[in-house]
Amino acid sequence: QLQASGGGLVQAGDSLRLSCAASGRTVSRYAMGWFRQAPGKEREFVAAISSSGGSTHYADSVKGRFTISRDNAKNTVYLQMNTLQPEDTAVYYCAAGGALTYYSANYYYTLLRSYDHWGQGTLVTVSS
């Protein structure tokens, strides 16, 4: 089970750190991703990290502002979000992908279908 947390209401320019904690599953075996879904929009890729942490992948819209990391000893993945903008407002979901590897092309990290397990989302609201 994956549990995302850390969302909240912030102002534009602020920072938040989301966490995704796993229980009953060892995340070190999985590539992990963050996706988000804004009201009335489809779920979209935000960031992903390989199982070892050796490769990271970002959507263009968050590159340079967001950082994904993982602590396999704590069975937790993080998403550090800086310089938040109103367009970042969404429910953020973490997900685990067993078939993704360090050598997987970036494209596959961005696909929802590459992920087998999904957590409940955490709401991030950025006011202007």
N, C-alpha and C. Protein backbone atom coordinates (compact mmCIF):
# COMPACT_ATOMS: atom_id res chain seq x y z
N GLN A 1 0.84 -1.19 0.00
CA GLN A 1 0.00 0.00 0.00
C GLN A 1 0.88 1.25 0.00
N LEU A 2 0.50 2.21 -0.82
CA LEU A 2 1.24 3.46 -0.91
C LEU A 2 0.38 4.57 -0.33
N GLN A 3 1.00 5.40 0.48
CA GLN A 3 0.27 6.50 1.11
C GLN A 3 1.02 7.80 0.87
N ALA A 4 0.38 8.68 0.12
CA ALA A 4 0.96 10.00 -0.13
C ALA A 4 0.52 10.98 0.94
N SER A 5 1.41 11.88 1.30
CA SER A 5 1.09 12.89 2.30
C SER A 5 1.93 14.13 2.04
N GLY A 6 1.60 15.21 2.75
CA GLY A 6 2.38 16.42 2.65
C GLY A 6 1.73 17.54 1.87
N GLY A 7 0.58 17.28 1.29
CA GLY A 7 -0.11 18.32 0.55
C GLY A 7 -0.66 19.39 1.47
N GLY A 8 -1.11 20.47 0.86
CA GLY A 8 -1.68 21.56 1.65
C GLY A 8 -1.94 22.77 0.80
N LEU A 9 -2.30 23.84 1.47
CA LEU A 9 -2.58 25.11 0.81
C LEU A 9 -1.38 26.04 1.01
N VAL A 10 -0.82 26.49 -0.09
CA VAL A 10 0.33 27.39 -0.03
C VAL A 10 0.13 28.53 -1.01
N GLN A 11 1.00 29.52 -0.89
CA GLN A 11 0.95 30.64 -1.82
C GLN A 11 1.96 30.43 -2.94
N ALA A 12 1.74 31.10 -4.02
CA ALA A 12 2.66 31.03 -5.15
C ALA A 12 4.06 31.41 -4.69
N GLY A 13 5.03 30.61 -5.12
CA GLY A 13 6.41 30.84 -4.72
C GLY A 13 6.86 30.01 -3.53
N ASP A 14 5.92 29.43 -2.83
CA ASP A 14 6.24 28.61 -1.67
C ASP A 14 6.72 27.22 -2.08
N SER A 15 7.12 26.46 -1.08
CA SER A 15 7.60 25.10 -1.30
C SER A 15 6.80 24.11 -0.46
N LEU A 16 6.75 22.89 -0.95
CA LEU A 16 6.16 21.78 -0.22
C LEU A 16 6.97 20.52 -0.50
N ARG A 17 6.97 19.60 0.45
CA ARG A 17 7.58 18.31 0.19
C ARG A 17 6.54 17.22 0.41
N LEU A 18 6.28 16.49 -0.64
CA LEU A 18 5.38 15.36 -0.55
C LEU A 18 6.16 14.10 -0.21
N SER A 19 5.50 13.21 0.51
CA SER A 19 6.09 11.92 0.85
C SER A 19 5.17 10.81 0.39
N CYS A 20 5.76 9.71 0.03
CA CYS A 20 5.01 8.52 -0.34
C CYS A 20 5.60 7.36 0.43
N ALA A 21 4.88 6.90 1.42
CA ALA A 21 5.36 5.81 2.26
C ALA A 21 4.69 4.51 1.85
N ALA A 22 5.47 3.46 1.83
CA ALA A 22 4.95 2.16 1.45
C ALA A 22 4.85 1.24 2.66
N SER A 23 3.79 0.50 2.69
CA SER A 23 3.64 -0.52 3.73
C SER A 23 3.27 -1.83 3.06
N GLY A 24 3.82 -2.89 3.57
CA GLY A 24 3.53 -4.19 2.97
C GLY A 24 4.19 -4.40 1.63
N ARG A 25 5.08 -3.51 1.28
CA ARG A 25 5.76 -3.61 -0.02
C ARG A 25 7.11 -2.95 0.10
N THR A 26 8.11 -3.53 -0.51
CA THR A 26 9.45 -2.96 -0.47
C THR A 26 9.66 -2.10 -1.70
N VAL A 27 9.68 -0.79 -1.53
CA VAL A 27 9.75 0.11 -2.69
C VAL A 27 11.08 0.03 -3.40
N SER A 28 12.11 -0.51 -2.72
CA SER A 28 13.42 -0.57 -3.37
C SER A 28 13.39 -1.41 -4.63
N ARG A 29 12.40 -2.25 -4.77
CA ARG A 29 12.29 -3.09 -5.97
C ARG A 29 11.62 -2.36 -7.13
N TYR A 30 11.07 -1.20 -6.86
CA TYR A 30 10.23 -0.54 -7.86
C TYR A 30 10.75 0.82 -8.26
N ALA A 31 10.56 1.14 -9.51
CA ALA A 31 10.64 2.54 -9.90
C ALA A 31 9.40 3.22 -9.33
N MET A 32 9.58 4.47 -8.96
CA MET A 32 8.48 5.21 -8.34
C MET A 32 8.20 6.48 -9.13
N GLY A 33 6.93 6.80 -9.22
CA GLY A 33 6.56 7.99 -9.96
C GLY A 33 5.56 8.84 -9.19
N TRP A 34 5.53 10.11 -9.55
CA TRP A 34 4.51 11.03 -9.07
C TRP A 34 3.71 11.52 -10.27
N PHE A 35 2.42 11.51 -10.11
CA PHE A 35 1.50 12.03 -11.11
C PHE A 35 0.58 13.03 -10.43
N ARG A 36 -0.09 13.83 -11.21
CA ARG A 36 -1.05 14.77 -10.63
C ARG A 36 -2.27 14.89 -11.53
N GLN A 37 -3.35 15.26 -10.90
CA GLN A 37 -4.59 15.44 -11.64
C GLN A 37 -5.29 16.68 -11.14
N ALA A 38 -5.39 17.64 -12.03
CA ALA A 38 -6.09 18.89 -11.72
C ALA A 38 -7.58 18.71 -12.01
N PRO A 39 -8.42 19.51 -11.39
CA PRO A 39 -9.86 19.39 -11.63
C PRO A 39 -10.20 19.49 -13.11
N GLY A 40 -10.95 18.52 -13.59
CA GLY A 40 -11.39 18.52 -14.97
C GLY A 40 -10.33 18.12 -15.99
N LYS A 41 -9.18 17.69 -15.51
CA LYS A 41 -8.10 17.31 -16.42
C LYS A 41 -7.69 15.86 -16.19
N GLU A 42 -6.97 15.34 -17.15
CA GLU A 42 -6.49 13.98 -17.03
C GLU A 42 -5.27 13.93 -16.11
N ARG A 43 -5.04 12.76 -15.58
CA ARG A 43 -3.86 12.57 -14.74
C ARG A 43 -2.62 12.67 -15.61
N GLU A 44 -1.63 13.40 -15.11
CA GLU A 44 -0.42 13.61 -15.90
C GLU A 44 0.83 13.29 -15.09
N PHE A 45 1.86 12.94 -15.84
CA PHE A 45 3.15 12.61 -15.25
C PHE A 45 3.81 13.85 -14.69
N VAL A 46 4.46 13.68 -13.53
CA VAL A 46 5.21 14.77 -12.91
C VAL A 46 6.69 14.42 -12.82
N ALA A 47 7.00 13.31 -12.18
CA ALA A 47 8.39 12.93 -11.96
C ALA A 47 8.48 11.45 -11.64
N ALA A 48 9.65 10.89 -11.88
CA ALA A 48 9.86 9.47 -11.58
C ALA A 48 11.32 9.24 -11.27
N ILE A 49 11.55 8.12 -10.58
CA ILE A 49 12.91 7.76 -10.18
C ILE A 49 13.06 6.25 -10.29
N SER A 50 14.21 5.81 -10.78
CA SER A 50 14.44 4.38 -10.90
C SER A 50 14.59 3.75 -9.52
N SER A 51 14.56 2.44 -9.48
CA SER A 51 14.58 1.73 -8.19
C SER A 51 15.82 2.04 -7.37
N SER A 52 16.93 2.22 -8.04
CA SER A 52 18.18 2.52 -7.34
C SER A 52 18.36 4.00 -7.06
N GLY A 53 17.54 4.80 -7.72
CA GLY A 53 17.71 6.25 -7.61
C GLY A 53 18.69 6.81 -8.61
N GLY A 54 19.21 5.94 -9.46
CA GLY A 54 20.24 6.36 -10.39
C GLY A 54 19.75 7.19 -11.56
N SER A 55 18.48 7.11 -11.87
CA SER A 55 17.94 7.94 -12.94
C SER A 55 16.65 8.59 -12.48
N THR A 56 16.50 9.84 -12.88
CA THR A 56 15.29 10.59 -12.57
C THR A 56 14.71 11.18 -13.85
N HIS A 57 13.42 11.43 -13.81
CA HIS A 57 12.72 11.90 -15.00
C HIS A 57 11.70 12.94 -14.57
N TYR A 58 11.55 13.98 -15.36
CA TYR A 58 10.66 15.07 -15.00
C TYR A 58 9.84 15.53 -16.19
N ALA A 59 8.63 15.95 -15.89
CA ALA A 59 7.85 16.66 -16.90
C ALA A 59 8.49 18.02 -17.14
N ASP A 60 8.40 18.51 -18.34
CA ASP A 60 9.00 19.81 -18.67
C ASP A 60 8.44 20.91 -17.77
N SER A 61 7.19 20.79 -17.40
CA SER A 61 6.54 21.85 -16.62
C SER A 61 7.10 21.98 -15.21
N VAL A 62 7.78 20.97 -14.72
CA VAL A 62 8.29 21.03 -13.35
C VAL A 62 9.81 20.95 -13.29
N LYS A 63 10.44 20.75 -14.42
CA LYS A 63 11.90 20.59 -14.44
C LYS A 63 12.55 21.86 -13.89
N GLY A 64 13.49 21.65 -12.98
CA GLY A 64 14.17 22.78 -12.36
C GLY A 64 13.48 23.30 -11.11
N ARG A 65 12.24 22.89 -10.89
CA ARG A 65 11.51 23.33 -9.69
C ARG A 65 11.24 22.16 -8.74
N PHE A 66 11.00 21.00 -9.28
CA PHE A 66 10.68 19.82 -8.47
C PHE A 66 11.86 18.86 -8.47
N THR A 67 12.01 18.15 -7.36
CA THR A 67 13.06 17.14 -7.25
C THR A 67 12.47 15.88 -6.61
N ILE A 68 12.65 14.78 -7.28
CA ILE A 68 12.21 13.50 -6.74
C ILE A 68 13.41 12.80 -6.13
N SER A 69 13.18 12.14 -5.00
CA SER A 69 14.24 11.40 -4.35
C SER A 69 13.62 10.22 -3.61
N ARG A 70 14.47 9.34 -3.16
CA ARG A 70 13.96 8.19 -2.44
C ARG A 70 14.91 7.79 -1.33
N ASP A 71 14.34 7.22 -0.30
CA ASP A 71 15.12 6.66 0.80
C ASP A 71 14.63 5.23 0.96
N ASN A 72 15.32 4.32 0.35
CA ASN A 72 14.85 2.93 0.37
C ASN A 72 14.89 2.33 1.77
N ALA A 73 15.78 2.83 2.60
CA ALA A 73 15.84 2.34 3.98
C ALA A 73 14.56 2.69 4.74
N LYS A 74 13.96 3.82 4.37
CA LYS A 74 12.71 4.25 5.01
C LYS A 74 11.49 3.87 4.18
N ASN A 75 11.74 3.20 3.05
CA ASN A 75 10.62 2.78 2.19
C ASN A 75 9.75 3.97 1.79
N THR A 76 10.42 5.06 1.47
CA THR A 76 9.71 6.31 1.20
C THR A 76 10.30 7.03 0.00
N VAL A 77 9.43 7.65 -0.75
CA VAL A 77 9.82 8.48 -1.89
C VAL A 77 9.31 9.89 -1.63
N TYR A 78 10.09 10.86 -2.08
CA TYR A 78 9.75 12.26 -1.81
C TYR A 78 9.62 13.04 -3.12
N LEU A 79 8.86 14.10 -3.04
CA LEU A 79 8.80 15.07 -4.13
C LEU A 79 8.93 16.45 -3.51
N GLN A 80 10.10 17.04 -3.69
CA GLN A 80 10.33 18.41 -3.22
C GLN A 80 9.85 19.36 -4.29
N MET A 81 8.92 20.21 -3.93
CA MET A 81 8.33 21.13 -4.90
C MET A 81 8.64 22.56 -4.48
N ASN A 82 9.41 23.23 -5.30
CA ASN A 82 9.79 24.62 -5.03
C ASN A 82 9.13 25.56 -6.04
N THR A 83 9.08 26.81 -5.68
CA THR A 83 8.52 27.84 -6.55
C THR A 83 7.18 27.39 -7.13
N LEU A 84 6.31 26.99 -6.25
CA LEU A 84 5.01 26.49 -6.68
C LEU A 84 4.19 27.60 -7.34
N GLN A 85 3.44 27.20 -8.33
CA GLN A 85 2.60 28.11 -9.09
C GLN A 85 1.15 27.63 -9.04
N PRO A 86 0.20 28.52 -9.26
CA PRO A 86 -1.21 28.10 -9.23
C PRO A 86 -1.51 26.93 -10.16
N GLU A 87 -0.81 26.85 -11.27
CA GLU A 87 -1.04 25.74 -12.21
C GLU A 87 -0.54 24.41 -11.68
N ASP A 88 0.16 24.43 -10.55
CA ASP A 88 0.57 23.17 -9.91
C ASP A 88 -0.54 22.60 -9.02
N THR A 89 -1.60 23.33 -8.87
CA THR A 89 -2.72 22.86 -8.05
C THR A 89 -3.30 21.58 -8.63
N ALA A 90 -3.34 20.56 -7.80
CA ALA A 90 -3.82 19.24 -8.25
C ALA A 90 -3.79 18.27 -7.08
N VAL A 91 -4.38 17.13 -7.32
CA VAL A 91 -4.18 16.00 -6.41
C VAL A 91 -2.97 15.24 -6.92
N TYR A 92 -2.03 15.00 -6.05
CA TYR A 92 -0.78 14.34 -6.42
C TYR A 92 -0.83 12.88 -5.95
N TYR A 93 -0.46 11.99 -6.86
CA TYR A 93 -0.48 10.55 -6.60
C TYR A 93 0.92 9.97 -6.76
N CYS A 94 1.26 9.05 -5.89
CA CYS A 94 2.50 8.30 -6.11
C CYS A 94 2.14 6.91 -6.63
N ALA A 95 3.08 6.31 -7.33
CA ALA A 95 2.84 5.03 -7.95
C ALA A 95 4.13 4.25 -8.04
N ALA A 96 4.00 2.92 -8.08
CA ALA A 96 5.15 2.03 -8.16
C ALA A 96 5.07 1.23 -9.45
N GLY A 97 6.19 1.15 -10.15
CA GLY A 97 6.24 0.43 -11.41
C GLY A 97 7.29 -0.66 -11.38
N GLY A 98 6.84 -1.92 -11.41
CA GLY A 98 7.76 -3.03 -11.28
C GLY A 98 8.55 -3.34 -12.54
N ALA A 99 8.05 -2.95 -13.70
CA ALA A 99 8.73 -3.30 -14.95
C ALA A 99 9.74 -2.26 -15.39
N LEU A 100 9.68 -1.09 -14.80
CA LEU A 100 10.61 -0.02 -15.19
C LEU A 100 11.98 -0.29 -14.59
N THR A 101 13.00 -0.03 -15.39
CA THR A 101 14.36 -0.22 -14.91
C THR A 101 15.17 1.04 -15.16
N TYR A 102 16.39 1.00 -14.69
CA TYR A 102 17.32 2.13 -14.92
C TYR A 102 17.47 2.39 -16.41
N TYR A 103 17.38 1.32 -17.22
CA TYR A 103 17.62 1.45 -18.65
C TYR A 103 16.35 1.75 -19.46
N SER A 104 15.23 1.83 -18.78
CA SER A 104 13.99 2.14 -19.49
C SER A 104 14.04 3.55 -20.04
N ALA A 105 13.52 3.71 -21.22
CA ALA A 105 13.48 5.02 -21.84
C ALA A 105 12.58 5.95 -21.05
N ASN A 106 12.91 7.22 -21.11
CA ASN A 106 12.14 8.22 -20.39
C ASN A 106 10.65 8.12 -20.70
N TYR A 107 10.34 7.84 -21.93
CA TYR A 107 8.95 7.77 -22.37
C TYR A 107 8.14 6.82 -21.50
N TYR A 108 8.72 5.67 -21.18
CA TYR A 108 7.98 4.67 -20.42
C TYR A 108 7.74 5.12 -18.98
N TYR A 109 8.62 5.92 -18.46
CA TYR A 109 8.42 6.44 -17.11
C TYR A 109 7.23 7.39 -17.04
N THR A 110 6.88 7.98 -18.15
CA THR A 110 5.79 8.97 -18.15
C THR A 110 4.41 8.37 -18.32
N LEU A 111 4.34 7.09 -18.60
CA LEU A 111 3.07 6.43 -18.90
C LEU A 111 2.39 5.91 -17.64
N LEU A 112 1.11 6.18 -17.50
CA LEU A 112 0.35 5.65 -16.37
C LEU A 112 0.39 4.13 -16.36
N ARG A 113 0.34 3.53 -17.53
CA ARG A 113 0.24 2.07 -17.59
C ARG A 113 1.55 1.38 -17.20
N SER A 114 2.61 2.15 -17.03
CA SER A 114 3.87 1.55 -16.58
C SER A 114 3.88 1.27 -15.08
N TYR A 115 2.86 1.75 -14.39
CA TYR A 115 2.83 1.66 -12.93
C TYR A 115 1.73 0.69 -12.49
N ASP A 116 2.12 -0.20 -11.58
CA ASP A 116 1.23 -1.27 -11.16
C ASP A 116 0.42 -0.93 -9.92
N HIS A 117 0.99 -0.08 -9.09
CA HIS A 117 0.38 0.18 -7.79
C HIS A 117 0.28 1.68 -7.57
N TRP A 118 -0.86 2.09 -7.08
CA TRP A 118 -1.13 3.51 -6.89
C TRP A 118 -1.58 3.78 -5.46
N GLY A 119 -1.15 4.93 -4.98
CA GLY A 119 -1.60 5.35 -3.67
C GLY A 119 -2.75 6.32 -3.78
N GLN A 120 -3.33 6.63 -2.63
CA GLN A 120 -4.32 7.69 -2.59
C GLN A 120 -3.61 9.02 -2.75
N GLY A 121 -4.28 9.97 -3.26
CA GLY A 121 -3.65 11.24 -3.56
C GLY A 121 -3.59 12.17 -2.37
N THR A 122 -2.79 13.21 -2.52
CA THR A 122 -2.73 14.29 -1.55
C THR A 122 -2.92 15.60 -2.31
N LEU A 123 -3.76 16.46 -1.79
CA LEU A 123 -4.15 17.66 -2.49
C LEU A 123 -3.15 18.80 -2.24
N VAL A 124 -2.71 19.39 -3.33
CA VAL A 124 -1.85 20.57 -3.27
C VAL A 124 -2.63 21.73 -3.91
N THR A 125 -2.79 22.78 -3.15
CA THR A 125 -3.48 23.96 -3.65
C THR A 125 -2.55 25.14 -3.54
N VAL A 126 -2.32 25.80 -4.66
CA VAL A 126 -1.43 26.95 -4.70
C VAL A 126 -2.25 28.19 -5.05
N SER A 127 -2.28 29.13 -4.14
CA SER A 127 -3.04 30.36 -4.38
C SER A 127 -2.12 31.42 -4.97
N SER A 128 -2.71 32.29 -5.76
CA SER A 128 -1.92 33.34 -6.42
C SER A 128 -1.82 34.58 -5.55
